[in-house]
Structures are given as C-alpha cells and as structure tokens.
Amino acid sequence: MNDGLLALRFRTDKYGRTRLVERRQRYPMTTTGVLPFESESGALIYTQNAAGSVFGGDRLRTDLHLEDDVSVCISTPSATRIQGNGLAAQTTHIKLGRGAFIESIPDMIIAHPKAVYRQETHIDLAEGAEAILGESIAPGRVARGEEYVYDAVSLRLEASFNGQPVLVDASTFRPGEASPALIGALGQAGYIGSLVILSQKNDQEELATKINARLGELKMVYGGAAALASGCGAIVRFLADDAPALRNAMQSVWAIARHHVRGRPAPTLRK
C-alpha cells in the first residue's frame, strides 16, 4: 500500500513564463521537469507513478496551485493501470488564481481484473481563470480478452468559482451488477471519454455547437456536448469503438475547446 503525495505550485516569472516554484512529493508520485511551450508562455508537465500501476490499498493525492496568470498543461506519459485486491483511491485538488489556465489531459484509465478504483477531483477557480479537464476509460486489457472484469471504477468532479459550486459530475461502473455493454448503456462502444470546459465567458452554447459538429464527423465515435446549466462552461461525453478512435476524439474536441477558450491550437503531447 502506498501513501503517495505530489504537491506543485506554479508562478510566472518577470518575463511571463511559467515556472515550477515548489514541489513536494512522496513515493510513488513524481513528475518530469517543466517543458516550456515554444509558441506561448505556458508549459507542459507530466505526472508519473513510479510504481508503474495504482495498486489496491493505495491512497494517492495531488495538489496543484496555479498562481495568477499561470498556464499549465498536465498529462501522463502512459495509461493509468489499476490493479486489483482492494480499494485504490486517488484525489486531486486544484486551485487557480486570477487569469490562470489549466489543462489536464491524462492518458486513459485501464482497470485490471478485480480492481476497485475511486477518483475524486476538486477544482476552485478565481475570477478570469479557466480549465479544460479530460478523462478517458478503457473497458480493460482488451488484447488479453479482459473486458469489464474489474469490480468498480468511480469518478467524481466538483468544480467551483470563488468557492461557489458550478458543477458536480459523477459516474460509477460496476460490471458485476450490470454489464456496461448492455444496449442503453455503452453498447459495443466500450471506450469512454469526457471533457469539461470551465469558463465564465458567455459563449458556451457556441462552443457546444462546434464540438457537436466535429463529433458528427468522426468515425466509430458517438457523443455530444452541452453548455453547463450554471453557465460556467460546457461538458462533452463520447463513446468510441477502440482506443485509437477514443484518442482521436479526445484530441479533436480538446483542440476545439482550446482554440475557443485560448485562441490557440492544442499542443502535441509527447508520449
């Protein structure tokens, strides 16, 4: 059992470049160095699990603090693999200062046989801050014939602006109780993707329309987007027939969301 911690604080320097100014970590959590973007002031950083997988009994916590006007993209170098034999829990707390921007686009979650996984993300944004948060889940190790043989996967996102809640989004999959492959659930499209855009701009219906148009063009992908009822962003849900289709869909909707929010294309993640 691992009690992991990764705490990162980012700040802009006098030239407007993003710098990592504080880092605390405890095994198995770690990161790469900060990789500056070539065409803009933000930076890319990969979070890593040195153990190679999330194991039953693990309790992992990540704290991210972006000071005013910081821009950071967070990803992972490979899939997050969840091993069985007990509950594994991962919690992330994100705090954004004024005008800050975070993108979190991790690789997909792959739950192994008997795995029980709970993930919670809490994000609070100050005035003018924005966020794009992606998640993707595979049905299992498909190449080994393991589809929906995990016990449970649960994801929860709570978002607020200045402490005022704007979104609570939760989903749980328990294949032992009801097969996700049932018609009316996931059907044959077992790969799941979601993207949440958090912004106080008043053009979220326009963003949802653009993403819906793009999803309609993609093969082996089924989904849709809608503005949040709070008026503080949009949410995208999609299913895909296989992993390449899921990754292509995620990149496509991320690119539209990022251009809409920041006026720039999505970066290429180096894996």
C-alpha atoms as a PDB file:
ATOM      1  CA  MET A   1       0.000   0.000   0.000  1.00  0.00           C
ATOM      2  CA  ASN A   2       1.357   3.424  -0.995  1.00  0.00           C
ATOM      3  CA  ASP A   3       0.513   6.771   0.603  1.00  0.00           C
ATOM      4  CA  GLY A   4       1.610   8.985  -2.271  1.00  0.00           C
ATOM      5  CA  LEU A   5       1.701  12.765  -2.480  1.00  0.00           C
ATOM      6  CA  LEU A   6       2.505  15.252  -5.219  1.00  0.00           C
ATOM      7  CA  ALA A   7       2.142  18.973  -4.420  1.00  0.00           C
ATOM      8  CA  LEU A   8       3.087  21.528  -7.097  1.00  0.00           C
ATOM      9  CA  ARG A   9       2.947  25.332  -7.117  1.00  0.00           C
ATOM     10  CA  PHE A  10       3.401  27.318 -10.322  1.00  0.00           C
ATOM     11  CA  ARG A  11       4.175  31.027 -10.792  1.00  0.00           C
ATOM     12  CA  THR A  12       5.026  33.275 -13.721  1.00  0.00           C
ATOM     13  CA  ASP A  13       8.450  34.949 -13.787  1.00  0.00           C
ATOM     14  CA  LYS A  14       9.114  38.554 -14.794  1.00  0.00           C
ATOM     15  CA  TYR A  15       9.085  37.506 -18.456  1.00  0.00           C
ATOM     16  CA  GLY A  16       5.629  35.909 -18.157  1.00  0.00           C
ATOM     17  CA  ARG A  17       6.961  32.344 -18.381  1.00  0.00           C
ATOM     18  CA  THR A  18       5.540  29.562 -16.226  1.00  0.00           C
ATOM     19  CA  ARG A  19       7.871  28.283 -13.508  1.00  0.00           C
ATOM     20  CA  LEU A  20       7.540  25.432 -11.011  1.00  0.00           C
ATOM     21  CA  VAL A  21       8.426  27.177  -7.731  1.00  0.00           C
ATOM     22  CA  GLU A  22       7.517  24.495  -5.191  1.00  0.00           C
ATOM     23  CA  ARG A  23       7.375  20.714  -5.319  1.00  0.00           C
ATOM     24  CA  ARG A  24       6.743  18.159  -2.594  1.00  0.00           C
ATOM     25  CA  GLN A  25       6.475  14.508  -3.439  1.00  0.00           C
ATOM     26  CA  ARG A  26       6.273  11.145  -1.737  1.00  0.00           C
ATOM     27  CA  TYR A  27       6.635   7.762  -3.420  1.00  0.00           C
ATOM     28  CA  PRO A  28       5.290   6.720  -5.835  1.00  0.00           C
ATOM     29  CA  MET A  29       4.252  10.168  -7.124  1.00  0.00           C
ATOM     30  CA  THR A  30       6.708  12.171  -9.220  1.00  0.00           C
ATOM     31  CA  THR A  31       6.924  14.394 -12.307  1.00  0.00           C
ATOM     32  CA  THR A  32       9.045  15.264 -15.276  1.00  0.00           C
ATOM     33  CA  GLY A  33      10.629  18.687 -15.482  1.00  0.00           C
ATOM     34  CA  VAL A  34       8.607  21.642 -16.761  1.00  0.00           C
ATOM     35  CA  LEU A  35       8.624  21.701 -20.578  1.00  0.00           C
ATOM     36  CA  PRO A  36       8.005  25.251 -21.897  1.00  0.00           C
ATOM     37  CA  PHE A  37       5.785  25.668 -24.943  1.00  0.00           C
ATOM     38  CA  GLU A  38       7.621  27.096 -27.921  1.00  0.00           C
ATOM     39  CA  SER A  39       4.851  29.372 -29.217  1.00  0.00           C
ATOM     40  CA  GLU A  40       3.226  30.581 -25.973  1.00  0.00           C
ATOM     41  CA  SER A  41       4.033  31.361 -22.349  1.00  0.00           C
ATOM     42  CA  GLY A  42       2.593  28.183 -20.786  1.00  0.00           C
ATOM     43  CA  ALA A  43       4.276  24.897 -20.000  1.00  0.00           C
ATOM     44  CA  LEU A  44       3.688  21.145 -20.089  1.00  0.00           C
ATOM     45  CA  ILE A  45       4.423  18.762 -17.228  1.00  0.00           C
ATOM     46  CA  TYR A  46       3.859  15.011 -16.945  1.00  0.00           C
ATOM     47  CA  THR A  47       2.871  13.432 -13.637  1.00  0.00           C
ATOM     48  CA  GLN A  48       4.146   9.901 -13.119  1.00  0.00           C
ATOM     49  CA  ASN A  49       3.604   6.912 -10.871  1.00  0.00           C
ATOM     50  CA  ALA A  50       6.995   5.321 -10.195  1.00  0.00           C
ATOM     51  CA  ALA A  51       5.339   2.066  -9.096  1.00  0.00           C
ATOM     52  CA  GLY A  52       4.063   1.509 -12.643  1.00  0.00           C
ATOM     53  CA  SER A  53       0.456   0.940 -11.554  1.00  0.00           C
ATOM     54  CA  VAL A  54      -2.061   2.030  -8.947  1.00  0.00           C
ATOM     55  CA  PHE A  55      -2.412  -0.883  -6.523  1.00  0.00           C
ATOM     56  CA  GLY A  56      -5.201  -1.947  -4.206  1.00  0.00           C
ATOM     57  CA  GLY A  57      -4.808  -0.075  -0.916  1.00  0.00           C
ATOM     58  CA  ASP A  58      -3.034   2.909  -2.493  1.00  0.00           C
ATOM     59  CA  ARG A  59      -4.047   6.381  -1.335  1.00  0.00           C
ATOM     60  CA  LEU A  60      -2.664   8.956  -3.750  1.00  0.00           C
ATOM     61  CA  ARG A  61      -3.094  12.731  -3.518  1.00  0.00           C
ATOM     62  CA  THR A  62      -2.152  15.504  -5.936  1.00  0.00           C
ATOM     63  CA  ASP A  63      -2.330  19.212  -5.035  1.00  0.00           C
ATOM     64  CA  LEU A  64      -1.908  21.767  -7.821  1.00  0.00           C
ATOM     65  CA  HIS A  65      -1.758  25.515  -7.146  1.00  0.00           C
ATOM     66  CA  LEU A  66      -1.530  27.861 -10.133  1.00  0.00           C
ATOM     67  CA  GLU A  67      -0.913  31.470  -9.128  1.00  0.00           C
ATOM     68  CA  ASP A  68      -2.304  34.419 -11.118  1.00  0.00           C
ATOM     69  CA  ASP A  69      -1.936  34.215 -14.930  1.00  0.00           C
ATOM     70  CA  VAL A  70      -0.136  30.860 -14.888  1.00  0.00           C
ATOM     71  CA  SER A  71      -0.830  28.479 -17.797  1.00  0.00           C
ATOM     72  CA  VAL A  72      -0.068  24.754 -17.371  1.00  0.00           C
ATOM     73  CA  CYS A  73      -0.933  21.561 -19.242  1.00  0.00           C
ATOM     74  CA  ILE A  74      -0.835  18.375 -17.141  1.00  0.00           C
ATOM     75  CA  SER A  75      -0.691  14.905 -18.670  1.00  0.00           C
ATOM     76  CA  THR A  76       0.644  11.405 -18.034  1.00  0.00           C
ATOM     77  CA  PRO A  77       3.269   9.554 -20.097  1.00  0.00           C
ATOM     78  CA  SER A  78       1.132   6.402 -20.397  1.00  0.00           C
ATOM     79  CA  ALA A  79      -2.118   4.797 -19.296  1.00  0.00           C
ATOM     80  CA  THR A  80      -3.057   4.654 -15.605  1.00  0.00           C
ATOM     81  CA  ARG A  81      -3.278   0.940 -14.795  1.00  0.00           C
ATOM     82  CA  ILE A  82      -5.357  -0.089 -11.789  1.00  0.00           C
ATOM     83  CA  GLN A  83      -4.501  -3.402 -10.114  1.00  0.00           C
ATOM     84  CA  GLY A  84      -6.944  -5.469  -8.051  1.00  0.00           C
ATOM     85  CA  ASN A  85      -7.017  -6.615  -4.403  1.00  0.00           C
ATOM     86  CA  GLY A  86      -8.649  -3.732  -2.558  1.00  0.00           C
ATOM     87  CA  LEU A  87      -9.794  -0.157  -2.997  1.00  0.00           C
ATOM     88  CA  ALA A  88      -7.367   2.252  -4.636  1.00  0.00           C
ATOM     89  CA  ALA A  89      -8.163   5.947  -4.224  1.00  0.00           C
ATOM     90  CA  GLN A  90      -6.727   8.971  -5.994  1.00  0.00           C
ATOM     91  CA  THR A  91      -7.663  12.542  -5.049  1.00  0.00           C
ATOM     92  CA  THR A  92      -6.679  15.759  -6.824  1.00  0.00           C
ATOM     93  CA  HIS A  93      -7.138  19.303  -5.501  1.00  0.00           C
ATOM     94  CA  ILE A  94      -6.633  22.193  -7.932  1.00  0.00           C
ATOM     95  CA  LYS A  95      -6.598  25.891  -7.055  1.00  0.00           C
ATOM     96  CA  LEU A  96      -6.391  28.524  -9.802  1.00  0.00           C
ATOM     97  CA  GLY A  97      -5.503  32.175  -9.273  1.00  0.00           C
ATOM     98  CA  ARG A  98      -6.901  35.066 -11.329  1.00  0.00           C
ATOM     99  CA  GLY A  99      -6.455  34.568 -15.051  1.00  0.00           C
ATOM    100  CA  ALA A 100      -4.822  31.155 -14.593  1.00  0.00           C
ATOM    101  CA  PHE A 101      -5.437  28.320 -17.035  1.00  0.00           C
ATOM    102  CA  ILE A 102      -5.026  24.582 -16.531  1.00  0.00           C
ATOM    103  CA  GLU A 103      -5.452  21.693 -18.945  1.00  0.00           C
ATOM    104  CA  SER A 104      -5.494  18.134 -17.636  1.00  0.00           C
ATOM    105  CA  ILE A 105      -5.412  15.532 -20.414  1.00  0.00           C
ATOM    106  CA  PRO A 106      -4.198  12.231 -18.916  1.00  0.00           C
ATOM    107  CA  ASP A 107      -3.931   9.005 -20.853  1.00  0.00           C
ATOM    108  CA  MET A 108      -6.732   6.504 -20.337  1.00  0.00           C
ATOM    109  CA  ILE A 109      -7.560   4.528 -17.206  1.00  0.00           C
ATOM    110  CA  ILE A 110      -7.232   0.756 -17.636  1.00  0.00           C
ATOM    111  CA  ALA A 111      -8.707  -1.252 -14.756  1.00  0.00           C
ATOM    112  CA  HIS A 112      -7.366  -4.808 -14.368  1.00  0.00           C
ATOM    113  CA  PRO A 113      -9.373  -7.806 -13.069  1.00  0.00           C
ATOM    114  CA  LYS A 114     -10.961  -7.290  -9.630  1.00  0.00           C
ATOM    115  CA  ALA A 115      -9.811  -3.657  -9.490  1.00  0.00           C
ATOM    116  CA  VAL A 116     -11.747  -1.169  -7.334  1.00  0.00           C
ATOM    117  CA  TYR A 117     -10.845   2.435  -8.097  1.00  0.00           C
ATOM    118  CA  ARG A 118     -12.165   5.743  -6.804  1.00  0.00           C
ATOM    119  CA  GLN A 119     -11.023   9.053  -8.244  1.00  0.00           C
ATOM    120  CA  GLU A 120     -12.070  12.485  -6.979  1.00  0.00           C
ATOM    121  CA  THR A 121     -11.096  15.866  -8.422  1.00  0.00           C
ATOM    122  CA  HIS A 122     -11.851  19.191  -6.722  1.00  0.00           C
ATOM    123  CA  ILE A 123     -11.123  22.438  -8.556  1.00  0.00           C
ATOM    124  CA  ASP A 124     -11.706  26.032  -7.479  1.00  0.00           C
ATOM    125  CA  LEU A 125     -11.183  28.878  -9.956  1.00  0.00           C
ATOM    126  CA  ALA A 126     -10.703  32.585  -9.245  1.00  0.00           C
ATOM    127  CA  GLU A 127     -12.095  35.356 -11.479  1.00  0.00           C
ATOM    128  CA  GLY A 128     -10.979  35.005 -15.081  1.00  0.00           C
ATOM    129  CA  ALA A 129      -9.458  31.545 -14.581  1.00  0.00           C
ATOM    130  CA  GLU A 130     -10.304  28.729 -16.997  1.00  0.00           C
ATOM    131  CA  ALA A 131      -9.827  24.973 -17.169  1.00  0.00           C
ATOM    132  CA  ILE A 132     -10.124  22.062 -19.590  1.00  0.00           C
ATOM    133  CA  LEU A 133     -10.293  18.657 -17.892  1.00  0.00           C
ATOM    134  CA  GLY A 134     -10.328  15.384 -19.823  1.00  0.00           C
ATOM    135  CA  GLU A 135     -10.828  11.779 -18.751  1.00  0.00           C
ATOM    136  CA  SER A 136     -10.912   8.514 -20.690  1.00  0.00           C
ATOM    137  CA  ILE A 137     -11.569   4.933 -19.630  1.00  0.00           C
ATOM    138  CA  ALA A 138     -10.882   1.646 -21.408  1.00  0.00           C
ATOM    139  CA  PRO A 139     -13.051  -1.444 -20.803  1.00  0.00           C
ATOM    140  CA  GLY A 140      -9.947  -3.330 -19.619  1.00  0.00           C
ATOM    141  CA  ARG A 141      -6.982  -5.093 -21.190  1.00  0.00           C
ATOM    142  CA  VAL A 142      -8.867  -5.828 -24.375  1.00  0.00           C
ATOM    143  CA  ALA A 143      -5.945  -7.530 -26.142  1.00  0.00           C
ATOM    144  CA  ARG A 144      -5.959 -10.160 -23.379  1.00  0.00           C
ATOM    145  CA  GLY A 145      -9.692 -10.673 -23.628  1.00  0.00           C
ATOM    146  CA  GLU A 146     -10.349  -8.780 -20.384  1.00  0.00           C
ATOM    147  CA  GLU A 147     -13.374  -6.550 -20.841  1.00  0.00           C
ATOM    148  CA  TYR A 148     -15.394  -5.357 -17.834  1.00  0.00           C
ATOM    149  CA  VAL A 149     -13.747  -7.751 -15.378  1.00  0.00           C
ATOM    150  CA  TYR A 150     -12.892  -5.019 -12.872  1.00  0.00           C
ATOM    151  CA  ASP A 151     -15.137  -4.661  -9.821  1.00  0.00           C
ATOM    152  CA  ALA A 152     -15.757  -0.904  -9.842  1.00  0.00           C
ATOM    153  CA  VAL A 153     -14.484   2.355 -11.303  1.00  0.00           C
ATOM    154  CA  SER A 154     -15.842   5.596  -9.841  1.00  0.00           C
ATOM    155  CA  LEU A 155     -15.028   9.148 -10.971  1.00  0.00           C
ATOM    156  CA  ARG A 156     -16.220  12.389  -9.361  1.00  0.00           C
ATOM    157  CA  LEU A 157     -15.520  16.018 -10.280  1.00  0.00           C
ATOM    158  CA  GLU A 158     -16.528  19.022  -8.168  1.00  0.00           C
ATOM    159  CA  ALA A 159     -15.900  22.486  -9.635  1.00  0.00           C
ATOM    160  CA  SER A 160     -16.431  25.959  -8.201  1.00  0.00           C
ATOM    161  CA  PHE A 161     -15.677  29.605  -8.962  1.00  0.00           C
ATOM    162  CA  ASN A 162     -14.591  31.574  -5.890  1.00  0.00           C
ATOM    163  CA  GLY A 163     -15.999  28.817  -3.695  1.00  0.00           C
ATOM    164  CA  GLN A 164     -19.420  28.784  -5.381  1.00  0.00           C
ATOM    165  CA  PRO A 165     -20.237  25.344  -6.871  1.00  0.00           C
ATOM    166  CA  VAL A 166     -20.911  25.270 -10.621  1.00  0.00           C
ATOM    167  CA  LEU A 167     -20.622  21.545 -11.380  1.00  0.00           C
ATOM    168  CA  VAL A 168     -20.797  18.162  -9.664  1.00  0.00           C
ATOM    169  CA  ASP A 169     -20.248  15.317 -12.108  1.00  0.00           C
ATOM    170  CA  ALA A 170     -20.061  11.684 -11.004  1.00  0.00           C
ATOM    171  CA  SER A 171     -20.145   8.286 -12.666  1.00  0.00           C
ATOM    172  CA  THR A 172     -19.644   4.732 -11.429  1.00  0.00           C
ATOM    173  CA  PHE A 173     -19.283   1.486 -13.358  1.00  0.00           C
ATOM    174  CA  ARG A 174     -19.842  -1.858 -11.600  1.00  0.00           C
ATOM    175  CA  PRO A 175     -19.830  -4.610 -14.255  1.00  0.00           C
ATOM    176  CA  GLY A 176     -20.755  -7.284 -11.698  1.00  0.00           C
ATOM    177  CA  GLU A 177     -24.113  -5.585 -11.094  1.00  0.00           C
ATOM    178  CA  ALA A 178     -24.985  -4.684 -14.691  1.00  0.00           C
ATOM    179  CA  SER A 179     -22.893  -5.132 -17.796  1.00  0.00           C
ATOM    180  CA  PRO A 180     -21.809  -1.787 -19.290  1.00  0.00           C
ATOM    181  CA  ALA A 181     -22.118  -3.470 -22.702  1.00  0.00           C
ATOM    182  CA  LEU A 182     -25.920  -3.535 -22.441  1.00  0.00           C
ATOM    183  CA  ILE A 183     -27.849  -1.581 -25.053  1.00  0.00           C
ATOM    184  CA  GLY A 184     -28.818   1.684 -23.416  1.00  0.00           C
ATOM    185  CA  ALA A 185     -25.506   1.785 -21.540  1.00  0.00           C
ATOM    186  CA  LEU A 186     -22.250   1.631 -23.534  1.00  0.00           C
ATOM    187  CA  GLY A 187     -23.328  -1.000 -26.047  1.00  0.00           C
ATOM    188  CA  GLN A 188     -20.415  -2.175 -28.176  1.00  0.00           C
ATOM    189  CA  ALA A 189     -18.561   1.138 -27.850  1.00  0.00           C
ATOM    190  CA  GLY A 190     -16.668   0.340 -24.675  1.00  0.00           C
ATOM    191  CA  TYR A 191     -14.220   3.237 -24.611  1.00  0.00           C
ATOM    192  CA  ILE A 192     -15.437   6.283 -22.674  1.00  0.00           C
ATOM    193  CA  GLY A 193     -14.289   9.879 -22.956  1.00  0.00           C
ATOM    194  CA  SER A 194     -15.310  13.135 -21.332  1.00  0.00           C
ATOM    195  CA  LEU A 195     -14.113  16.719 -21.479  1.00  0.00           C
ATOM    196  CA  VAL A 196     -15.183  19.516 -19.127  1.00  0.00           C
ATOM    197  CA  ILE A 197     -14.566  23.157 -20.019  1.00  0.00           C
ATOM    198  CA  LEU A 198     -14.820  25.669 -17.156  1.00  0.00           C
ATOM    199  CA  SER A 199     -15.025  29.351 -18.084  1.00  0.00           C
ATOM    200  CA  GLN A 200     -17.070  32.418 -17.168  1.00  0.00           C
ATOM    201  CA  LYS A 201     -17.350  33.523 -20.791  1.00  0.00           C
ATOM    202  CA  ASN A 202     -20.904  33.801 -22.129  1.00  0.00           C
ATOM    203  CA  ASP A 203     -20.455  31.748 -25.294  1.00  0.00           C
ATOM    204  CA  GLN A 204     -20.763  28.148 -24.081  1.00  0.00           C
ATOM    205  CA  GLU A 205     -23.668  27.278 -26.419  1.00  0.00           C
ATOM    206  CA  GLU A 206     -21.488  28.258 -29.359  1.00  0.00           C
ATOM    207  CA  LEU A 207     -18.690  26.032 -28.079  1.00  0.00           C
ATOM    208  CA  ALA A 208     -21.061  23.072 -27.649  1.00  0.00           C
ATOM    209  CA  THR A 209     -22.349  23.567 -31.202  1.00  0.00           C
ATOM    210  CA  LYS A 210     -18.817  23.473 -32.623  1.00  0.00           C
ATOM    211  CA  ILE A 211     -17.931  20.315 -30.715  1.00  0.00           C
ATOM    212  CA  ASN A 212     -21.158  18.563 -31.729  1.00  0.00           C
ATOM    213  CA  ALA A 213     -20.426  19.311 -35.366  1.00  0.00           C
ATOM    214  CA  ARG A 214     -16.951  17.795 -35.056  1.00  0.00           C
ATOM    215  CA  LEU A 215     -18.171  14.692 -33.205  1.00  0.00           C
ATOM    216  CA  GLY A 216     -20.650  14.110 -36.011  1.00  0.00           C
ATOM    217  CA  GLU A 217     -17.754  13.871 -38.464  1.00  0.00           C
ATOM    218  CA  LEU A 218     -15.739  11.268 -36.558  1.00  0.00           C
ATOM    219  CA  LYS A 219     -15.988   7.577 -37.417  1.00  0.00           C
ATOM    220  CA  MET A 220     -16.553   4.991 -34.661  1.00  0.00           C
ATOM    221  CA  VAL A 221     -17.320   7.786 -32.174  1.00  0.00           C
ATOM    222  CA  TYR A 222     -20.707   8.645 -30.676  1.00  0.00           C
ATOM    223  CA  GLY A 223     -21.314  11.571 -28.372  1.00  0.00           C
ATOM    224  CA  GLY A 224     -22.437  15.103 -27.755  1.00  0.00           C
ATOM    225  CA  ALA A 225     -21.741  18.364 -25.946  1.00  0.00           C
ATOM    226  CA  ALA A 226     -23.894  20.777 -23.961  1.00  0.00           C
ATOM    227  CA  ALA A 227     -23.444  24.015 -22.050  1.00  0.00           C
ATOM    228  CA  LEU A 228     -23.463  23.659 -18.260  1.00  0.00           C
ATOM    229  CA  ALA A 229     -26.685  24.690 -16.547  1.00  0.00           C
ATOM    230  CA  SER A 230     -24.617  27.026 -14.351  1.00  0.00           C
ATOM    231  CA  GLY A 231     -23.500  28.936 -17.461  1.00  0.00           C
ATOM    232  CA  CYS A 232     -19.861  28.456 -16.452  1.00  0.00           C
ATOM    233  CA  GLY A 233     -18.676  26.086 -19.146  1.00  0.00           C
ATOM    234  CA  ALA A 234     -19.576  23.037 -21.192  1.00  0.00           C
ATOM    235  CA  ILE A 235     -19.342  19.259 -20.932  1.00  0.00           C
ATOM    236  CA  VAL A 236     -18.636  16.668 -23.627  1.00  0.00           C
ATOM    237  CA  ARG A 237     -19.383  12.938 -23.470  1.00  0.00           C
ATOM    238  CA  PHE A 238     -18.396  10.424 -26.121  1.00  0.00           C
ATOM    239  CA  LEU A 239     -18.005   6.698 -26.700  1.00  0.00           C
ATOM    240  CA  ALA A 240     -15.590   5.048 -29.112  1.00  0.00           C
ATOM    241  CA  ASP A 241     -15.231   1.604 -30.627  1.00  0.00           C
ATOM    242  CA  ASP A 242     -11.494   1.298 -29.893  1.00  0.00           C
ATOM    243  CA  ALA A 243      -8.549   3.061 -28.282  1.00  0.00           C
ATOM    244  CA  PRO A 244      -7.292   4.885 -31.422  1.00  0.00           C
ATOM    245  CA  ALA A 245     -10.789   6.267 -32.060  1.00  0.00           C
ATOM    246  CA  LEU A 246     -11.005   7.419 -28.425  1.00  0.00           C
ATOM    247  CA  ARG A 247      -7.643   9.202 -28.571  1.00  0.00           C
ATOM    248  CA  ASN A 248      -8.546  10.842 -31.880  1.00  0.00           C
ATOM    249  CA  ALA A 249     -11.857  12.051 -30.474  1.00  0.00           C
ATOM    250  CA  MET A 250     -10.200  13.439 -27.338  1.00  0.00           C
ATOM    251  CA  GLN A 251      -7.600  15.306 -29.370  1.00  0.00           C
ATOM    252  CA  SER A 252     -10.280  16.673 -31.701  1.00  0.00           C
ATOM    253  CA  VAL A 253     -12.614  18.031 -29.023  1.00  0.00           C
ATOM    254  CA  TRP A 254      -9.688  19.312 -26.942  1.00  0.00           C
ATOM    255  CA  ALA A 255      -8.391  21.231 -29.969  1.00  0.00           C
ATOM    256  CA  ILE A 256     -11.781  22.906 -30.495  1.00  0.00           C
ATOM    257  CA  ALA A 257     -12.185  23.726 -26.803  1.00  0.00           C
ATOM    258  CA  ARG A 258      -8.679  25.152 -26.501  1.00  0.00           C
ATOM    259  CA  HIS A 259      -8.995  27.308 -29.605  1.00  0.00           C
ATOM    260  CA  HIS A 260     -12.339  28.588 -28.342  1.00  0.00           C
ATOM    261  CA  VAL A 261     -11.044  29.373 -24.854  1.00  0.00           C
ATOM    262  CA  ARG A 262      -7.471  30.449 -25.562  1.00  0.00           C
ATOM    263  CA  GLY A 263      -7.365  31.153 -29.295  1.00  0.00           C
ATOM    264  CA  ARG A 264      -4.565  28.626 -29.819  1.00  0.00           C
ATOM    265  CA  PRO A 265      -4.378  25.015 -31.064  1.00  0.00           C
ATOM    266  CA  ALA A 266      -3.914  22.144 -28.644  1.00  0.00           C
ATOM    267  CA  PRO A 267      -0.271  21.118 -28.111  1.00  0.00           C
ATOM    268  CA  THR A 268       1.063  17.765 -29.221  1.00  0.00           C
ATOM    269  CA  LEU A 269       1.625  15.546 -26.205  1.00  0.00           C
ATOM    270  CA  ARG A 270       4.884  13.616 -26.402  1.00  0.00           C
ATOM    271  CA  LYS A 271       4.424  10.027 -25.234  1.00  0.00           C
END
